[in-house]
Amino acid sequence: MSDAKLGLLTDDELIEELARRFEHLVIAGRRVHEHIAAAARERWKWKGDHRMCQGLCVSLQATIEGDYQKRATPS
């Protein structure tokens, strides 16, 4: 699907389409209003075995931490 067509989907439609494609799924997102941090909107959904979803989250956390460590400079 092209980016132009993706822009026509609502958040819920996009999340439901992804949920149809995967047996286990963890989605998290946060949108912060440009001028009002208190107006941040968070969305999350998980689908499948809860232990598998926890594993996906831990794996993502480890990947992000590893990337952060590669880019960090010693002080």
N, C-alpha and C. Protein backbone atom coordinates (compact mmCIF):
# COMPACT_ATOMS: atom_id res chain seq x y z
N MET A 1 0.86 -1.18 0.00
CA MET A 1 0.00 0.00 0.00
C MET A 1 0.90 1.24 0.00
N SER A 2 0.56 2.19 -0.82
CA SER A 2 1.39 3.40 -0.91
C SER A 2 1.15 4.30 0.30
N ASP A 3 2.12 5.19 0.55
CA ASP A 3 2.00 6.13 1.66
C ASP A 3 0.76 6.99 1.51
N ALA A 4 0.41 7.36 0.27
CA ALA A 4 -0.77 8.19 0.03
C ALA A 4 -2.03 7.48 0.49
N LYS A 5 -2.12 6.18 0.21
CA LYS A 5 -3.30 5.41 0.62
C LYS A 5 -3.32 5.20 2.13
N LEU A 6 -2.14 5.01 2.73
CA LEU A 6 -2.08 4.84 4.18
C LEU A 6 -2.62 6.08 4.90
N GLY A 7 -2.39 7.25 4.33
CA GLY A 7 -2.87 8.48 4.92
C GLY A 7 -4.38 8.57 4.95
N LEU A 8 -5.06 7.75 4.16
CA LEU A 8 -6.53 7.76 4.13
C LEU A 8 -7.13 6.91 5.24
N LEU A 9 -6.32 6.06 5.86
CA LEU A 9 -6.82 5.18 6.93
C LEU A 9 -6.85 5.92 8.26
N THR A 10 -7.82 5.60 9.07
CA THR A 10 -7.81 6.10 10.45
C THR A 10 -6.82 5.27 11.25
N ASP A 11 -6.46 5.75 12.42
CA ASP A 11 -5.57 4.98 13.29
C ASP A 11 -6.16 3.61 13.57
N ASP A 12 -7.45 3.57 13.90
CA ASP A 12 -8.10 2.31 14.24
C ASP A 12 -8.10 1.34 13.06
N GLU A 13 -8.34 1.84 11.84
CA GLU A 13 -8.33 0.98 10.66
C GLU A 13 -6.94 0.40 10.42
N LEU A 14 -5.93 1.22 10.57
CA LEU A 14 -4.56 0.76 10.37
C LEU A 14 -4.18 -0.29 11.41
N ILE A 15 -4.52 -0.05 12.66
CA ILE A 15 -4.22 -1.00 13.73
C ILE A 15 -4.95 -2.32 13.49
N GLU A 16 -6.22 -2.26 13.09
CA GLU A 16 -6.98 -3.48 12.85
C GLU A 16 -6.42 -4.27 11.66
N GLU A 17 -5.96 -3.57 10.63
CA GLU A 17 -5.35 -4.26 9.48
C GLU A 17 -4.07 -4.97 9.90
N LEU A 18 -3.24 -4.32 10.69
CA LEU A 18 -2.02 -4.96 11.18
C LEU A 18 -2.36 -6.15 12.07
N ALA A 19 -3.38 -6.01 12.91
CA ALA A 19 -3.78 -7.10 13.80
C ALA A 19 -4.25 -8.31 13.01
N ARG A 20 -4.84 -8.11 11.84
CA ARG A 20 -5.26 -9.24 11.01
C ARG A 20 -4.05 -9.99 10.42
N ARG A 21 -2.92 -9.30 10.29
CA ARG A 21 -1.77 -9.89 9.62
C ARG A 21 -0.81 -10.64 10.55
N PHE A 22 -0.91 -10.41 11.84
CA PHE A 22 0.04 -11.00 12.78
C PHE A 22 -0.67 -11.74 13.90
N GLU A 23 -0.10 -12.89 14.28
CA GLU A 23 -0.66 -13.68 15.37
C GLU A 23 -0.40 -13.02 16.73
N HIS A 24 0.80 -12.47 16.88
CA HIS A 24 1.18 -11.76 18.10
C HIS A 24 1.58 -10.35 17.69
N LEU A 25 1.12 -9.37 18.43
CA LEU A 25 1.31 -7.99 18.00
C LEU A 25 1.34 -7.06 19.20
N VAL A 26 2.29 -6.13 19.17
CA VAL A 26 2.34 -5.06 20.17
C VAL A 26 2.51 -3.76 19.40
N ILE A 27 1.61 -2.83 19.61
CA ILE A 27 1.67 -1.53 18.94
C ILE A 27 1.62 -0.47 20.03
N ALA A 28 2.50 0.50 19.93
CA ALA A 28 2.47 1.63 20.86
C ALA A 28 2.83 2.88 20.09
N GLY A 29 2.15 3.95 20.40
CA GLY A 29 2.45 5.21 19.74
C GLY A 29 2.07 6.37 20.63
N ARG A 30 2.71 7.49 20.38
CA ARG A 30 2.43 8.69 21.17
C ARG A 30 2.50 9.89 20.25
N ARG A 31 1.50 10.71 20.30
CA ARG A 31 1.47 11.94 19.52
C ARG A 31 1.39 13.09 20.51
N VAL A 32 2.34 14.02 20.40
CA VAL A 32 2.38 15.17 21.30
C VAL A 32 2.00 16.41 20.51
N HIS A 33 1.07 17.16 21.04
CA HIS A 33 0.70 18.42 20.41
C HIS A 33 1.90 19.34 20.43
N GLU A 34 2.10 20.04 19.36
CA GLU A 34 3.29 20.88 19.19
C GLU A 34 3.49 21.87 20.33
N HIS A 35 2.42 22.41 20.87
CA HIS A 35 2.55 23.46 21.88
C HIS A 35 2.05 23.05 23.26
N ILE A 36 1.36 21.91 23.35
CA ILE A 36 0.75 21.53 24.63
C ILE A 36 1.13 20.08 24.95
N ALA A 37 2.19 19.91 25.73
CA ALA A 37 2.65 18.55 26.07
C ALA A 37 1.57 17.77 26.82
N ALA A 38 0.74 18.46 27.59
CA ALA A 38 -0.31 17.78 28.36
C ALA A 38 -1.39 17.20 27.44
N ALA A 39 -1.40 17.63 26.17
CA ALA A 39 -2.39 17.13 25.22
C ALA A 39 -1.89 15.90 24.47
N ALA A 40 -0.84 15.27 24.97
CA ALA A 40 -0.29 14.08 24.30
C ALA A 40 -1.34 12.99 24.24
N ARG A 41 -1.32 12.25 23.15
CA ARG A 41 -2.26 11.14 22.98
C ARG A 41 -1.45 9.87 22.83
N GLU A 42 -1.73 8.91 23.66
CA GLU A 42 -1.04 7.62 23.60
C GLU A 42 -2.03 6.56 23.16
N ARG A 43 -1.54 5.66 22.32
CA ARG A 43 -2.35 4.53 21.86
C ARG A 43 -1.52 3.28 22.03
N TRP A 44 -2.14 2.22 22.45
CA TRP A 44 -1.44 0.94 22.50
C TRP A 44 -2.44 -0.18 22.33
N LYS A 45 -1.95 -1.27 21.79
CA LYS A 45 -2.77 -2.46 21.60
C LYS A 45 -1.84 -3.66 21.60
N TRP A 46 -2.31 -4.73 22.17
CA TRP A 46 -1.57 -5.98 22.06
C TRP A 46 -2.54 -7.07 21.69
N LYS A 47 -2.01 -8.08 21.00
CA LYS A 47 -2.84 -9.20 20.55
C LYS A 47 -1.99 -10.46 20.61
N GLY A 48 -2.57 -11.53 21.07
CA GLY A 48 -1.88 -12.82 21.12
C GLY A 48 -1.56 -13.22 22.54
N ASP A 49 -0.66 -14.18 22.66
CA ASP A 49 -0.24 -14.68 23.96
C ASP A 49 0.47 -13.58 24.74
N HIS A 50 0.04 -13.36 25.98
CA HIS A 50 0.60 -12.24 26.74
C HIS A 50 2.10 -12.40 27.00
N ARG A 51 2.58 -13.61 27.17
CA ARG A 51 4.02 -13.82 27.39
C ARG A 51 4.81 -13.53 26.11
N MET A 52 4.26 -13.90 24.96
CA MET A 52 4.91 -13.59 23.69
C MET A 52 4.97 -12.08 23.50
N CYS A 53 3.90 -11.38 23.84
CA CYS A 53 3.88 -9.93 23.71
C CYS A 53 4.88 -9.28 24.67
N GLN A 54 5.00 -9.81 25.88
CA GLN A 54 6.02 -9.31 26.80
C GLN A 54 7.41 -9.51 26.21
N GLY A 55 7.63 -10.66 25.59
CA GLY A 55 8.92 -10.94 24.97
C GLY A 55 9.22 -9.97 23.84
N LEU A 56 8.20 -9.65 23.03
CA LEU A 56 8.39 -8.67 21.97
C LEU A 56 8.81 -7.31 22.54
N CYS A 57 8.16 -6.92 23.62
CA CYS A 57 8.49 -5.63 24.25
C CYS A 57 9.91 -5.63 24.81
N VAL A 58 10.29 -6.69 25.47
CA VAL A 58 11.64 -6.78 26.04
C VAL A 58 12.69 -6.78 24.93
N SER A 59 12.40 -7.50 23.84
CA SER A 59 13.32 -7.53 22.71
C SER A 59 13.48 -6.13 22.10
N LEU A 60 12.39 -5.42 21.96
CA LEU A 60 12.45 -4.07 21.43
C LEU A 60 13.24 -3.16 22.37
N GLN A 61 12.99 -3.30 23.67
CA GLN A 61 13.72 -2.49 24.65
C GLN A 61 15.22 -2.75 24.56
N ALA A 62 15.62 -4.00 24.42
CA ALA A 62 17.03 -4.35 24.32
C ALA A 62 17.63 -3.79 23.03
N THR A 63 16.88 -3.85 21.94
CA THR A 63 17.36 -3.30 20.67
C THR A 63 17.57 -1.80 20.77
N ILE A 64 16.63 -1.10 21.36
CA ILE A 64 16.74 0.35 21.52
C ILE A 64 17.92 0.69 22.44
N GLU A 65 18.06 -0.05 23.52
CA GLU A 65 19.17 0.19 24.45
C GLU A 65 20.52 -0.03 23.76
N GLY A 66 20.62 -1.09 22.95
CA GLY A 66 21.86 -1.35 22.22
C GLY A 66 22.18 -0.24 21.25
N ASP A 67 21.17 0.26 20.55
CA ASP A 67 21.37 1.38 19.62
C ASP A 67 21.81 2.63 20.38
N TYR A 68 21.19 2.86 21.52
CA TYR A 68 21.55 4.02 22.34
C TYR A 68 23.00 3.93 22.80
N GLN A 69 23.41 2.74 23.24
CA GLN A 69 24.78 2.54 23.71
C GLN A 69 25.79 2.77 22.58
N LYS A 70 25.46 2.38 21.35
CA LYS A 70 26.36 2.60 20.22
C LYS A 70 26.55 4.09 19.93
N ARG A 71 25.49 4.86 20.13
CA ARG A 71 25.55 6.29 19.80
C ARG A 71 26.03 7.14 20.96
N ALA A 72 26.03 6.59 22.17
CA ALA A 72 26.42 7.38 23.34
C ALA A 72 27.91 7.69 23.32
N THR A 73 28.23 8.87 23.79
CA THR A 73 29.65 9.22 23.90
C THR A 73 30.01 9.33 25.37
N PRO A 74 31.18 8.81 25.75
CA PRO A 74 31.58 8.87 27.16
C PRO A 74 31.77 10.33 27.60
N SER A 75 31.42 10.60 28.82
CA SER A 75 31.59 11.99 29.32
C SER A 75 32.88 12.12 30.09
